[in-house]
Amino acid sequence: MATGNLGCVVVAVDSSEESMKALRWALDNLRPAGVAAADPGVLIILHVQPAPSIATSLNPGSIPFGGRSDVDVPAFSAAIEAHQRRITDAILKHALDICADRNVNVRTEVVVGDPKVKICEATVNLHADLLVMGCRSMGPIKRMFLGSVSNYCINHVSCPVLVIRGT
């Protein structure tokens, strides 16, 4: 089990089993420890929720038969945001259930935006000593069109990055 100078380990999670596998790996193999012996260090479970502007831009459409097409539908936007919060809550509950039997200081953080950018920003803001994340092992064609969050983070995060590959 590695402890070293890992005062803050950030584990990025989403709805994928690969991210939960990365969390399990971190719990099994790392033990965050602060500089002082009494400081236990912290493992932060980070989830990036999609920006509401992305989801709410999917307007239900114009009103048929000559109605205004530029009408904002607040109920639609609120429903999308509430649904995103429920998804986030379920992901964090699953992650915390995995951590339940471990003797580790765990915190959760939720940020909103593009996962690639927000994970990089969060590692700086949280003063992370290590970022742990899963990888879905997409093929080269999918990766070219969809991008790879883990690849982006490897190249843009200022702390070491540990990627746990999917099966």
Protein backbone atom coordinates (compact mmCIF):
# COMPACT_ATOMS: atom_id res chain seq x y z
CA MET A 1 0.00 0.00 0.00
CA ALA A 2 1.46 3.34 -1.06
CA THR A 3 1.31 6.33 1.23
CA GLY A 4 4.27 8.57 0.46
CA ASN A 5 3.39 12.25 0.25
CA LEU A 6 -0.15 11.72 -0.94
CA GLY A 7 -1.98 14.26 1.17
CA CYS A 8 -4.75 14.62 -1.42
CA VAL A 9 -5.76 11.95 -3.89
CA VAL A 10 -8.50 12.90 -6.36
CA VAL A 11 -10.49 10.10 -8.00
CA ALA A 12 -12.62 11.22 -10.93
CA VAL A 13 -15.86 9.26 -11.22
CA ASP A 14 -18.74 9.18 -13.66
CA SER A 15 -21.47 6.66 -14.41
CA SER A 16 -19.02 4.15 -15.92
CA GLU A 17 -17.93 0.97 -14.20
CA GLU A 18 -14.36 1.83 -15.23
CA SER A 19 -14.38 4.90 -12.98
CA MET A 20 -15.66 2.81 -10.06
CA LYS A 21 -12.92 0.28 -10.80
CA ALA A 22 -10.40 3.14 -10.51
CA LEU A 23 -11.95 4.13 -7.16
CA ARG A 24 -11.67 0.54 -5.89
CA TRP A 25 -8.04 0.41 -7.05
CA ALA A 26 -7.25 3.65 -5.21
CA LEU A 27 -8.90 2.36 -2.04
CA ASP A 28 -7.02 -0.96 -2.25
CA ASN A 29 -3.61 0.46 -3.12
CA LEU A 30 -3.29 4.00 -1.81
CA ARG A 31 -3.57 5.49 1.62
CA PRO A 32 -3.55 9.30 1.58
CA ALA A 33 -1.39 10.67 4.39
CA GLY A 34 -0.72 14.27 5.22
CA VAL A 35 2.62 15.80 6.08
CA ALA A 36 2.07 15.55 9.84
CA ALA A 37 1.59 12.11 11.37
CA ALA A 38 -1.76 13.17 12.82
CA ASP A 39 -3.02 14.37 9.42
CA PRO A 40 -4.72 11.44 7.68
CA GLY A 41 -4.84 13.01 4.22
CA VAL A 42 -7.94 12.90 2.08
CA LEU A 43 -9.36 10.99 -0.86
CA ILE A 44 -11.64 13.25 -2.88
CA ILE A 45 -14.27 11.72 -5.14
CA LEU A 46 -14.74 14.19 -7.98
CA HIS A 47 -17.72 14.15 -10.33
CA VAL A 48 -18.17 16.53 -13.24
CA GLN A 49 -21.81 17.21 -14.03
CA PRO A 50 -22.60 18.37 -17.59
CA ALA A 51 -23.26 22.07 -17.87
CA PRO A 52 -26.98 22.87 -17.80
CA SER A 53 -26.55 25.04 -20.88
CA ILE A 54 -25.72 21.93 -22.90
CA ALA A 55 -28.80 20.03 -21.76
CA THR A 56 -31.20 22.96 -21.75
CA SER A 57 -30.25 23.93 -25.28
CA LEU A 58 -32.28 20.92 -26.32
CA ASN A 59 -35.46 22.97 -26.39
CA PRO A 60 -38.62 20.90 -26.86
CA GLY A 61 -39.28 22.79 -30.06
CA SER A 62 -41.42 25.59 -31.31
CA ILE A 63 -45.09 25.81 -30.62
CA PRO A 64 -46.91 24.32 -33.60
CA PHE A 65 -49.16 26.29 -35.91
CA GLY A 66 -47.52 29.69 -35.72
CA GLY A 67 -46.47 29.96 -32.07
CA ARG A 68 -43.29 31.76 -31.06
CA SER A 69 -40.15 29.70 -31.55
CA ASP A 70 -37.89 31.72 -29.22
CA VAL A 71 -39.85 30.96 -26.05
CA ASP A 72 -37.71 29.67 -23.18
CA VAL A 73 -39.37 26.85 -21.31
CA PRO A 74 -38.28 27.22 -17.66
CA ALA A 75 -40.05 24.05 -16.57
CA PHE A 76 -38.12 22.08 -19.19
CA SER A 77 -34.81 23.60 -18.05
CA ALA A 78 -35.62 22.95 -14.39
CA ALA A 79 -36.57 19.34 -15.14
CA ILE A 80 -33.29 18.75 -16.98
CA GLU A 81 -31.27 20.28 -14.13
CA ALA A 82 -33.17 18.23 -11.52
CA HIS A 83 -32.54 15.07 -13.54
CA GLN A 84 -28.81 15.87 -13.72
CA ARG A 85 -28.72 16.36 -9.94
CA ARG A 86 -30.42 12.97 -9.42
CA ILE A 87 -27.84 11.30 -11.67
CA THR A 88 -25.00 13.02 -9.80
CA ASP A 89 -26.48 11.99 -6.44
CA ALA A 90 -26.75 8.36 -7.60
CA ILE A 91 -23.15 8.31 -8.86
CA LEU A 92 -21.82 9.77 -5.60
CA LYS A 93 -23.94 7.41 -3.50
CA HIS A 94 -22.53 4.43 -5.42
CA ALA A 95 -18.99 5.74 -4.93
CA LEU A 96 -19.53 6.36 -1.21
CA ASP A 97 -21.02 2.87 -0.82
CA ILE A 98 -17.78 1.48 -2.25
CA CYS A 99 -15.83 3.52 0.34
CA ALA A 100 -18.13 2.65 3.26
CA ASP A 101 -16.09 -0.19 4.79
CA ARG A 102 -12.71 1.48 4.31
CA ASN A 103 -10.88 3.45 6.94
CA VAL A 104 -10.15 6.46 4.77
CA ASN A 105 -11.01 10.14 4.98
CA VAL A 106 -13.33 10.66 1.96
CA ARG A 107 -14.84 13.88 0.61
CA THR A 108 -16.96 14.48 -2.47
CA GLU A 109 -16.74 17.38 -4.89
CA VAL A 110 -19.09 18.19 -7.77
CA VAL A 111 -18.17 20.64 -10.49
CA VAL A 112 -20.16 21.61 -13.55
CA GLY A 113 -18.79 21.83 -17.07
CA ASP A 114 -16.63 19.99 -19.58
CA PRO A 115 -15.06 16.99 -17.79
CA LYS A 116 -11.64 17.41 -19.42
CA VAL A 117 -11.28 21.02 -18.38
CA LYS A 118 -12.99 20.77 -14.99
CA ILE A 119 -10.95 17.77 -13.82
CA CYS A 120 -7.75 19.67 -14.63
CA GLU A 121 -9.00 22.78 -12.82
CA ALA A 122 -10.14 20.76 -9.80
CA THR A 123 -6.74 19.11 -9.33
CA VAL A 124 -5.18 22.57 -9.09
CA ASN A 125 -7.89 24.00 -6.82
CA LEU A 126 -7.80 20.96 -4.51
CA HIS A 127 -3.97 20.84 -4.45
CA ALA A 128 -4.06 17.21 -5.59
CA ASP A 129 -0.94 15.09 -5.21
CA LEU A 130 -2.37 12.40 -7.51
CA LEU A 131 -5.29 12.05 -9.92
CA VAL A 132 -6.76 8.58 -10.38
CA MET A 133 -9.23 7.94 -13.17
CA GLY A 134 -10.68 5.16 -15.26
CA CYS A 135 -10.36 4.69 -18.98
CA ARG A 136 -13.02 3.20 -21.20
CA SER A 137 -10.46 1.87 -23.68
CA MET A 138 -12.16 3.25 -26.76
CA GLY A 139 -10.75 2.32 -30.12
CA PRO A 140 -8.79 4.88 -32.14
CA ILE A 141 -11.76 5.90 -34.30
CA LYS A 142 -14.09 6.57 -31.36
CA ARG A 143 -11.30 8.34 -29.50
CA MET A 144 -10.66 10.56 -32.53
CA PHE A 145 -14.29 11.72 -32.68
CA LEU A 146 -15.24 11.69 -29.00
CA GLY A 147 -11.90 12.58 -27.46
CA SER A 148 -10.38 10.95 -24.43
CA VAL A 149 -10.79 12.60 -21.07
CA SER A 150 -7.98 10.55 -19.55
CA ASN A 151 -5.60 11.39 -22.40
CA TYR A 152 -6.39 15.09 -22.09
CA CYS A 153 -5.82 15.00 -18.33
CA ILE A 154 -2.51 13.15 -18.69
CA ASN A 155 -1.28 15.99 -20.89
CA HIS A 156 -2.74 18.94 -18.96
CA VAL A 157 -2.83 18.10 -15.23
CA SER A 158 0.06 19.37 -13.12
CA CYS A 159 0.11 16.38 -10.72
CA PRO A 160 0.81 12.73 -11.57
CA VAL A 161 -2.10 10.88 -13.21
CA LEU A 162 -2.84 7.19 -12.72
CA VAL A 163 -5.17 5.70 -15.32
CA ILE A 164 -6.85 2.39 -14.55
CA ARG A 165 -7.76 0.83 -17.88
CA GLY A 166 -11.11 -0.81 -18.47
CA THR A 167 -11.42 -4.39 -19.58
